[in-house]
């Protein structure tokens, strides 16, 4: 299943109140440059993958 189709299916199940928030979020994402989005996603991936290491470093 394509990502857009999955997103559409989820959006179709959301209550109207939530849709306004989703729309606001998507508008914010749309404004961010592709490079910043890629960097943000890469950072998130690193943090998730290295969570244990980061926790040990904190101690």
PDB file of N, CA and C in Angstrom:
ATOM      1  N   UNK A   1       0.857  -1.181   0.000  1.00  0.00           N
ATOM      2  CA  UNK A   1       0.000   0.000   0.000  1.00  0.00           C
ATOM      3  C   UNK A   1       0.902   1.243   0.000  1.00  0.00           C
ATOM      4  N   UNK A   2       0.524   2.231  -0.773  1.00  0.00           N
ATOM      5  CA  UNK A   2       1.331   3.446  -0.843  1.00  0.00           C
ATOM      6  C   UNK A   2       1.149   4.292   0.411  1.00  0.00           C
ATOM      7  N   UNK A   3       2.145   5.100   0.679  1.00  0.00           N
ATOM      8  CA  UNK A   3       2.114   5.950   1.868  1.00  0.00           C
ATOM      9  C   UNK A   3       0.938   6.914   1.804  1.00  0.00           C
ATOM     10  N   UNK A   4       0.721   7.522   0.653  1.00  0.00           N
ATOM     11  CA  UNK A   4      -0.384   8.477   0.526  1.00  0.00           C
ATOM     12  C   UNK A   4      -1.725   7.801   0.783  1.00  0.00           C
ATOM     13  N   UNK A   5      -1.867   6.592   0.292  1.00  0.00           N
ATOM     14  CA  UNK A   5      -3.125   5.870   0.492  1.00  0.00           C
ATOM     15  C   UNK A   5      -3.333   5.559   1.971  1.00  0.00           C
ATOM     16  N   UNK A   6      -2.265   5.138   2.647  1.00  0.00           N
ATOM     17  CA  UNK A   6      -2.369   4.848   4.082  1.00  0.00           C
ATOM     18  C   UNK A   6      -2.735   6.103   4.864  1.00  0.00           C
ATOM     19  N   UNK A   7      -2.094   7.213   4.518  1.00  0.00           N
ATOM     20  CA  UNK A   7      -2.387   8.474   5.193  1.00  0.00           C
ATOM     21  C   UNK A   7      -3.839   8.860   4.962  1.00  0.00           C
ATOM     22  N   UNK A   8      -4.305   8.719   3.743  1.00  0.00           N
ATOM     23  CA  UNK A   8      -5.684   9.054   3.407  1.00  0.00           C
ATOM     24  C   UNK A   8      -6.665   8.210   4.211  1.00  0.00           C
ATOM     25  N   UNK A   9      -6.372   6.927   4.336  1.00  0.00           N
ATOM     26  CA  UNK A   9      -7.255   6.042   5.096  1.00  0.00           C
ATOM     27  C   UNK A   9      -7.323   6.456   6.560  1.00  0.00           C
ATOM     28  N   UNK A  10      -6.175   6.820   7.121  1.00  0.00           N
ATOM     29  CA  UNK A  10      -6.155   7.247   8.522  1.00  0.00           C
ATOM     30  C   UNK A  10      -6.910   8.560   8.685  1.00  0.00           C
ATOM     31  N   UNK A  11      -6.638   9.501   7.804  1.00  0.00           N
ATOM     32  CA  UNK A  11      -7.300  10.812   7.875  1.00  0.00           C
ATOM     33  C   UNK A  11      -8.813  10.657   7.767  1.00  0.00           C
ATOM     34  N   UNK A  12      -9.262   9.759   6.946  1.00  0.00           N
ATOM     35  CA  UNK A  12     -10.697   9.540   6.769  1.00  0.00           C
ATOM     36  C   UNK A  12     -11.376   9.025   8.033  1.00  0.00           C
ATOM     37  N   UNK A  13     -10.610   8.468   8.946  1.00  0.00           N
ATOM     38  CA  UNK A  13     -11.198   7.941  10.181  1.00  0.00           C
ATOM     39  C   UNK A  13     -11.146   8.932  11.334  1.00  0.00           C
ATOM     40  N   UNK A  14     -10.426  10.034  11.169  1.00  0.00           N
ATOM     41  CA  UNK A  14     -10.247  10.989  12.263  1.00  0.00           C
ATOM     42  C   UNK A  14     -11.467  11.887  12.441  1.00  0.00           C
ATOM     43  N   UNK A  15     -11.746  12.250  13.695  1.00  0.00           N
ATOM     44  CA  UNK A  15     -12.842  13.192  13.938  1.00  0.00           C
ATOM     45  C   UNK A  15     -12.477  14.587  13.417  1.00  0.00           C
ATOM     46  N   UNK A  16     -13.483  15.367  13.139  1.00  0.00           N
ATOM     47  CA  UNK A  16     -13.290  16.689  12.539  1.00  0.00           C
ATOM     48  C   UNK A  16     -12.391  17.591  13.393  1.00  0.00           C
ATOM     49  N   UNK A  17     -12.518  17.504  14.702  1.00  0.00           N
ATOM     50  CA  UNK A  17     -11.709  18.347  15.595  1.00  0.00           C
ATOM     51  C   UNK A  17     -10.220  18.073  15.393  1.00  0.00           C
ATOM     52  N   UNK A  18      -9.886  16.822  15.204  1.00  0.00           N
ATOM     53  CA  UNK A  18      -8.485  16.440  15.032  1.00  0.00           C
ATOM     54  C   UNK A  18      -7.976  16.863  13.661  1.00  0.00           C
ATOM     55  N   UNK A  19      -8.843  16.855  12.678  1.00  0.00           N
ATOM     56  CA  UNK A  19      -8.436  17.213  11.322  1.00  0.00           C
ATOM     57  C   UNK A  19      -7.874  18.628  11.242  1.00  0.00           C
ATOM     58  N   UNK A  20      -8.424  19.543  12.012  1.00  0.00           N
ATOM     59  CA  UNK A  20      -7.918  20.918  12.028  1.00  0.00           C
ATOM     60  C   UNK A  20      -6.475  20.942  12.518  1.00  0.00           C
ATOM     61  N   UNK A  21      -6.191  20.179  13.548  1.00  0.00           N
ATOM     62  CA  UNK A  21      -4.829  20.110  14.073  1.00  0.00           C
ATOM     63  C   UNK A  21      -3.886  19.462  13.066  1.00  0.00           C
ATOM     64  N   UNK A  22      -4.344  18.413  12.411  1.00  0.00           N
ATOM     65  CA  UNK A  22      -3.531  17.737  11.401  1.00  0.00           C
ATOM     66  C   UNK A  22      -3.221  18.707  10.259  1.00  0.00           C
ATOM     67  N   UNK A  23      -4.206  19.456   9.833  1.00  0.00           N
ATOM     68  CA  UNK A  23      -4.013  20.428   8.766  1.00  0.00           C
ATOM     69  C   UNK A  23      -2.980  21.483   9.154  1.00  0.00           C
ATOM     70  N   UNK A  24      -3.063  21.986  10.369  1.00  0.00           N
ATOM     71  CA  UNK A  24      -2.089  22.974  10.839  1.00  0.00           C
ATOM     72  C   UNK A  24      -0.679  22.386  10.844  1.00  0.00           C
ATOM     73  N   UNK A  25      -0.569  21.159  11.305  1.00  0.00           N
ATOM     74  CA  UNK A  25       0.742  20.499  11.328  1.00  0.00           C
ATOM     75  C   UNK A  25       1.294  20.337   9.907  1.00  0.00           C
ATOM     76  N   UNK A  26       0.450  19.879   8.995  1.00  0.00           N
ATOM     77  CA  UNK A  26       0.894  19.681   7.610  1.00  0.00           C
ATOM     78  C   UNK A  26       1.320  20.998   6.964  1.00  0.00           C
ATOM     79  N   UNK A  27       0.643  22.062   7.286  1.00  0.00           N
ATOM     80  CA  UNK A  27       1.031  23.375   6.753  1.00  0.00           C
ATOM     81  C   UNK A  27       2.401  23.785   7.280  1.00  0.00           C
ATOM     82  N   UNK A  28       2.670  23.479   8.542  1.00  0.00           N
ATOM     83  CA  UNK A  28       3.987  23.787   9.105  1.00  0.00           C
ATOM     84  C   UNK A  28       5.070  22.952   8.434  1.00  0.00           C
ATOM     85  N   UNK A  29       4.791  21.691   8.234  1.00  0.00           N
ATOM     86  CA  UNK A  29       5.748  20.792   7.584  1.00  0.00           C
ATOM     87  C   UNK A  29       6.017  21.259   6.159  1.00  0.00           C
ATOM     88  N   UNK A  30       4.983  21.688   5.496  1.00  0.00           N
ATOM     89  CA  UNK A  30       5.107  22.138   4.108  1.00  0.00           C
ATOM     90  C   UNK A  30       6.056  23.334   3.993  1.00  0.00           C
ATOM     91  N   UNK A  31       6.097  24.166   5.002  1.00  0.00           N
ATOM     92  CA  UNK A  31       6.935  25.359   4.980  1.00  0.00           C
ATOM     93  C   UNK A  31       8.417  25.051   5.202  1.00  0.00           C
ATOM     94  N   UNK A  32       8.690  23.942   5.839  1.00  0.00           N
ATOM     95  CA  UNK A  32      10.069  23.576   6.159  1.00  0.00           C
ATOM     96  C   UNK A  32      10.751  23.069   4.888  1.00  0.00           C
ATOM     97  N   UNK A  33      11.970  23.467   4.700  1.00  0.00           N
ATOM     98  CA  UNK A  33      12.693  23.037   3.506  1.00  0.00           C
ATOM     99  C   UNK A  33      12.946  21.531   3.525  1.00  0.00           C
ATOM    100  N   UNK A  34      13.141  20.973   2.365  1.00  0.00           N
ATOM    101  CA  UNK A  34      13.404  19.535   2.250  1.00  0.00           C
ATOM    102  C   UNK A  34      14.663  19.150   3.026  1.00  0.00           C
ATOM    103  N   UNK A  35      15.680  19.975   2.963  1.00  0.00           N
ATOM    104  CA  UNK A  35      16.924  19.679   3.661  1.00  0.00           C
ATOM    105  C   UNK A  35      16.715  19.626   5.174  1.00  0.00           C
ATOM    106  N   UNK A  36      15.973  20.572   5.703  1.00  0.00           N
ATOM    107  CA  UNK A  36      15.706  20.574   7.138  1.00  0.00           C
ATOM    108  C   UNK A  36      14.891  19.356   7.536  1.00  0.00           C
ATOM    109  N   UNK A  37      13.943  18.966   6.706  1.00  0.00           N
ATOM    110  CA  UNK A  37      13.144  17.783   7.008  1.00  0.00           C
ATOM    111  C   UNK A  37      14.029  16.545   7.032  1.00  0.00           C
ATOM    112  N   UNK A  38      14.914  16.427   6.052  1.00  0.00           N
ATOM    113  CA  UNK A  38      15.803  15.273   5.984  1.00  0.00           C
ATOM    114  C   UNK A  38      16.705  15.227   7.217  1.00  0.00           C
ATOM    115  N   UNK A  39      17.255  16.376   7.601  1.00  0.00           N
ATOM    116  CA  UNK A  39      18.107  16.429   8.785  1.00  0.00           C
ATOM    117  C   UNK A  39      17.334  16.038  10.041  1.00  0.00           C
ATOM    118  N   UNK A  40      16.124  16.529  10.156  1.00  0.00           N
ATOM    119  CA  UNK A  40      15.296  16.214  11.308  1.00  0.00           C
ATOM    120  C   UNK A  40      14.991  14.716  11.375  1.00  0.00           C
ATOM    121  N   UNK A  41      14.648  14.138  10.253  1.00  0.00           N
ATOM    122  CA  UNK A  41      14.351  12.704  10.221  1.00  0.00           C
ATOM    123  C   UNK A  41      15.597  11.883  10.532  1.00  0.00           C
ATOM    124  N   UNK A  42      16.751  12.324  10.017  1.00  0.00           N
ATOM    125  CA  UNK A  42      18.003  11.615  10.302  1.00  0.00           C
ATOM    126  C   UNK A  42      18.332  11.678  11.789  1.00  0.00           C
ATOM    127  N   UNK A  43      18.149  12.839  12.378  1.00  0.00           N
ATOM    128  CA  UNK A  43      18.411  12.985  13.813  1.00  0.00           C
ATOM    129  C   UNK A  43      17.487  12.082  14.620  1.00  0.00           C
ATOM    130  N   UNK A  44      16.230  12.070  14.250  1.00  0.00           N
ATOM    131  CA  UNK A  44      15.264  11.210  14.947  1.00  0.00           C
ATOM    132  C   UNK A  44      15.691   9.750  14.856  1.00  0.00           C
ATOM    133  N   UNK A  45      16.121   9.332  13.685  1.00  0.00           N
ATOM    134  CA  UNK A  45      16.566   7.951  13.492  1.00  0.00           C
ATOM    135  C   UNK A  45      17.769   7.637  14.376  1.00  0.00           C
ATOM    136  N   UNK A  46      18.712   8.550  14.409  1.00  0.00           N
ATOM    137  CA  UNK A  46      19.906   8.353  15.234  1.00  0.00           C
ATOM    138  C   UNK A  46      19.519   8.241  16.702  1.00  0.00           C
ATOM    139  N   UNK A  47      18.658   9.125  17.159  1.00  0.00           N
ATOM    140  CA  UNK A  47      18.247   9.098  18.563  1.00  0.00           C
ATOM    141  C   UNK A  47      17.532   7.802  18.918  1.00  0.00           C
ATOM    142  N   UNK A  48      16.721   7.320  18.023  1.00  0.00           N
ATOM    143  CA  UNK A  48      15.997   6.072  18.270  1.00  0.00           C
ATOM    144  C   UNK A  48      16.975   4.894  18.282  1.00  0.00           C
ATOM    145  N   UNK A  49      17.862   4.850  17.283  1.00  0.00           N
ATOM    146  CA  UNK A  49      18.787   3.727  17.173  1.00  0.00           C
ATOM    147  C   UNK A  49      19.808   3.708  18.311  1.00  0.00           C
ATOM    148  N   UNK A  50      20.219   4.871  18.772  1.00  0.00           N
ATOM    149  CA  UNK A  50      21.269   4.955  19.785  1.00  0.00           C
ATOM    150  C   UNK A  50      20.726   5.286  21.177  1.00  0.00           C
ATOM    151  N   UNK A  51      19.472   5.008  21.409  1.00  0.00           N
ATOM    152  CA  UNK A  51      18.846   5.354  22.680  1.00  0.00           C
ATOM    153  C   UNK A  51      19.584   4.744  23.872  1.00  0.00           C
ATOM    154  N   UNK A  52      19.917   3.456  23.761  1.00  0.00           N
ATOM    155  CA  UNK A  52      20.609   2.793  24.869  1.00  0.00           C
ATOM    156  C   UNK A  52      21.964   3.426  25.139  1.00  0.00           C
ATOM    157  N   UNK A  53      22.700   3.700  24.094  1.00  0.00           N
ATOM    158  CA  UNK A  53      24.018   4.314  24.239  1.00  0.00           C
ATOM    159  C   UNK A  53      23.885   5.688  24.898  1.00  0.00           C
ATOM    160  N   UNK A  54      22.946   6.470  24.448  1.00  0.00           N
ATOM    161  CA  UNK A  54      22.739   7.798  25.014  1.00  0.00           C
ATOM    162  C   UNK A  54      22.357   7.712  26.490  1.00  0.00           C
ATOM    163  N   UNK A  55      21.533   6.763  26.835  1.00  0.00           N
ATOM    164  CA  UNK A  55      21.144   6.585  28.241  1.00  0.00           C
ATOM    165  C   UNK A  55      22.351   6.206  29.099  1.00  0.00           C
ATOM    166  N   UNK A  56      23.243   5.369  28.559  1.00  0.00           N
ATOM    167  CA  UNK A  56      24.438   4.988  29.316  1.00  0.00           C
ATOM    168  C   UNK A  56      25.375   6.187  29.480  1.00  0.00           C
ATOM    169  N   UNK A  57      25.462   7.028  28.491  1.00  0.00           N
ATOM    170  CA  UNK A  57      26.328   8.205  28.557  1.00  0.00           C
ATOM    171  C   UNK A  57      25.832   9.210  29.602  1.00  0.00           C
ATOM    172  N   UNK A  58      24.533   9.265  29.769  1.00  0.00           N
ATOM    173  CA  UNK A  58      23.941  10.184  30.736  1.00  0.00           C
ATOM    174  C   UNK A  58      24.299   9.777  32.165  1.00  0.00           C
ATOM    175  N   UNK A  59      24.423   8.495  32.388  1.00  0.00           N
ATOM    176  CA  UNK A  59      24.682   7.983  33.758  1.00  0.00           C
ATOM    177  C   UNK A  59      26.059   8.262  34.194  1.00  0.00           C
TER     178      UNK A  59
END
